[in-house]
Amino acid sequence: MRDEIFLVGRILFALVFLRFGIVHLAQTEGSAQYAAYKGVPRARTVVVATGAAMLVGGVAVVLGVWMDLAALGLAIYCVVAGVVMHNFWTVTDPQTRQAEMAQFFKNISIAGGALILLAVSENAPYTITDGLF
């Protein structure tokens, strides 16, 4: 039963990356405009690259393919995206600041979950491959 719960947890964890990876790729122009507004250089290229990375990482976590590498990559992505896209400390409008703060801490929390997944991936059930680390 524990193994099945862990698998369901992996799937639920990966959903956010699968969903927003698809959004990045299906709505590239809108996502790129927002990224450019946030100061991301070469925003369209970054949006496509991060969309692909989120999809690959999410699928890897679900299937258990080099899950340790996928979890590490997703953790790094979440921290960088949080700092770059949700820099609440630079916002003066109280409502916007609060919304950005919530998004920032959501990203940081998901990064924490990814690091936990990395830590336990060596003994993870229902995987296709062993980890790389």
Protein backbone atom coordinates (compact mmCIF):
# COMPACT_ATOMS: atom_id res chain seq x y z
CA MET A 1 0.00 0.00 0.00
CA ARG A 2 2.85 2.42 0.79
CA ASP A 3 4.29 1.96 -2.70
CA GLU A 4 0.97 2.82 -4.33
CA ILE A 5 0.60 5.93 -2.16
CA PHE A 6 4.09 7.04 -3.19
CA LEU A 7 3.19 6.55 -6.86
CA VAL A 8 -0.01 8.58 -6.48
CA GLY A 9 2.00 11.30 -4.71
CA ARG A 10 4.48 11.39 -7.60
CA ILE A 11 1.65 11.78 -10.08
CA LEU A 12 0.00 14.56 -8.07
CA PHE A 13 3.35 16.32 -7.63
CA ALA A 14 4.01 16.18 -11.39
CA LEU A 15 0.61 17.57 -12.42
CA VAL A 16 1.63 21.21 -11.97
CA PHE A 17 4.65 20.70 -14.25
CA LEU A 18 2.65 18.81 -16.87
CA ARG A 19 -0.11 21.44 -16.87
CA PHE A 20 2.13 24.49 -17.05
CA GLY A 21 4.57 22.83 -19.44
CA ILE A 22 1.65 22.42 -21.83
CA VAL A 23 0.54 26.02 -21.20
CA HIS A 24 4.04 27.31 -21.96
CA LEU A 25 4.07 25.44 -25.27
CA ALA A 26 0.44 25.95 -26.29
CA GLN A 27 0.26 29.62 -25.29
CA THR A 28 3.85 30.59 -26.01
CA GLU A 29 3.16 34.17 -27.10
CA GLY A 30 1.13 35.10 -24.03
CA SER A 31 3.60 33.41 -21.70
CA ALA A 32 6.51 35.10 -23.48
CA GLN A 33 4.86 38.52 -23.14
CA TYR A 34 4.48 38.00 -19.41
CA ALA A 35 8.08 36.76 -19.10
CA ALA A 36 9.32 39.78 -21.06
CA TYR A 37 7.30 42.05 -18.77
CA LYS A 38 9.12 40.42 -15.84
CA GLY A 39 12.48 41.19 -17.49
CA VAL A 40 13.36 37.75 -18.84
CA PRO A 41 15.78 38.10 -21.77
CA ARG A 42 14.88 36.18 -24.94
CA ALA A 43 11.55 35.46 -23.31
CA ARG A 44 10.06 33.34 -26.10
CA THR A 45 13.07 31.02 -26.17
CA VAL A 46 13.06 30.73 -22.39
CA VAL A 47 9.32 29.98 -22.33
CA VAL A 48 9.68 27.20 -24.90
CA ALA A 49 12.73 25.75 -23.11
CA THR A 50 11.10 25.84 -19.68
CA GLY A 51 7.86 24.43 -21.05
CA ALA A 52 9.73 21.49 -22.56
CA ALA A 53 11.77 21.04 -19.36
CA MET A 54 8.63 21.01 -17.20
CA LEU A 55 6.99 18.44 -19.45
CA VAL A 56 10.05 16.19 -19.57
CA GLY A 57 10.61 16.53 -15.82
CA GLY A 58 6.98 15.85 -15.01
CA VAL A 59 6.82 12.77 -17.23
CA ALA A 60 10.12 11.50 -15.81
CA VAL A 61 8.80 11.80 -12.25
CA VAL A 62 5.54 10.02 -13.11
CA LEU A 63 7.24 7.20 -14.99
CA GLY A 64 10.28 6.99 -12.74
CA VAL A 65 12.84 7.61 -15.44
CA TRP A 66 15.98 9.12 -13.89
CA MET A 67 13.65 10.51 -11.27
CA ASP A 68 16.50 11.91 -9.19
CA LEU A 69 17.75 14.06 -12.07
CA ALA A 70 14.21 15.15 -12.92
CA ALA A 71 13.50 16.11 -9.30
CA LEU A 72 16.73 18.10 -9.05
CA GLY A 73 15.99 19.92 -12.31
CA LEU A 74 12.45 20.73 -11.23
CA ALA A 75 13.68 22.00 -7.85
CA ILE A 76 16.18 24.31 -9.54
CA TYR A 77 13.54 25.50 -11.99
CA CYS A 78 11.11 26.31 -9.16
CA VAL A 79 13.64 28.35 -7.20
CA VAL A 80 14.79 30.29 -10.27
CA ALA A 81 11.22 30.87 -11.47
CA GLY A 82 10.21 32.01 -8.00
CA VAL A 83 13.03 34.52 -7.76
CA VAL A 84 12.71 35.85 -11.31
CA MET A 85 8.96 35.75 -11.88
CA HIS A 86 7.56 36.34 -8.39
CA ASN A 87 9.98 38.86 -6.86
CA PHE A 88 7.45 40.25 -4.40
CA TRP A 89 10.13 42.25 -2.59
CA THR A 90 10.23 44.69 -5.53
CA VAL A 91 6.45 45.26 -5.67
CA THR A 92 4.88 48.29 -4.01
CA ASP A 93 1.17 47.64 -4.61
CA PRO A 94 -0.05 45.69 -1.54
CA GLN A 95 -2.43 43.37 -3.44
CA THR A 96 0.08 42.57 -6.15
CA ARG A 97 2.79 42.11 -3.55
CA GLN A 98 0.61 39.62 -1.64
CA ALA A 99 -0.20 37.67 -4.83
CA GLU A 100 3.45 37.55 -5.87
CA MET A 101 4.48 36.49 -2.37
CA ALA A 102 1.99 33.61 -2.47
CA GLN A 103 3.32 32.48 -5.86
CA PHE A 104 6.92 32.80 -4.69
CA PHE A 105 6.38 30.66 -1.61
CA LYS A 106 4.36 28.14 -3.64
CA ASN A 107 7.35 27.76 -5.94
CA ILE A 108 9.76 27.43 -3.03
CA SER A 109 7.52 24.84 -1.37
CA ILE A 110 7.30 22.80 -4.56
CA ALA A 111 11.10 22.98 -4.80
CA GLY A 112 11.22 21.51 -1.29
CA GLY A 113 8.96 18.69 -2.38
CA ALA A 114 11.21 18.03 -5.37
CA LEU A 115 14.25 17.86 -3.09
CA ILE A 116 12.44 15.37 -0.86
CA LEU A 117 11.66 13.32 -3.96
CA LEU A 118 15.34 13.48 -4.91
CA ALA A 119 16.33 12.28 -1.42
CA VAL A 120 14.04 9.24 -1.51
CA SER A 121 14.28 8.41 -5.21
CA GLU A 122 16.93 5.72 -4.71
CA ASN A 123 14.36 3.38 -3.17
CA ALA A 124 11.32 4.58 -5.10
CA PRO A 125 8.83 1.92 -6.19
CA TYR A 126 7.36 1.62 -9.66
CA THR A 127 10.23 3.17 -11.60
CA ILE A 128 11.45 2.38 -15.09
CA THR A 129 15.10 3.23 -14.46
CA ASP A 130 17.40 3.68 -11.53
CA GLY A 131 18.52 7.17 -10.73
CA LEU A 132 21.69 8.76 -12.02
CA PHE A 133 23.05 9.83 -8.63
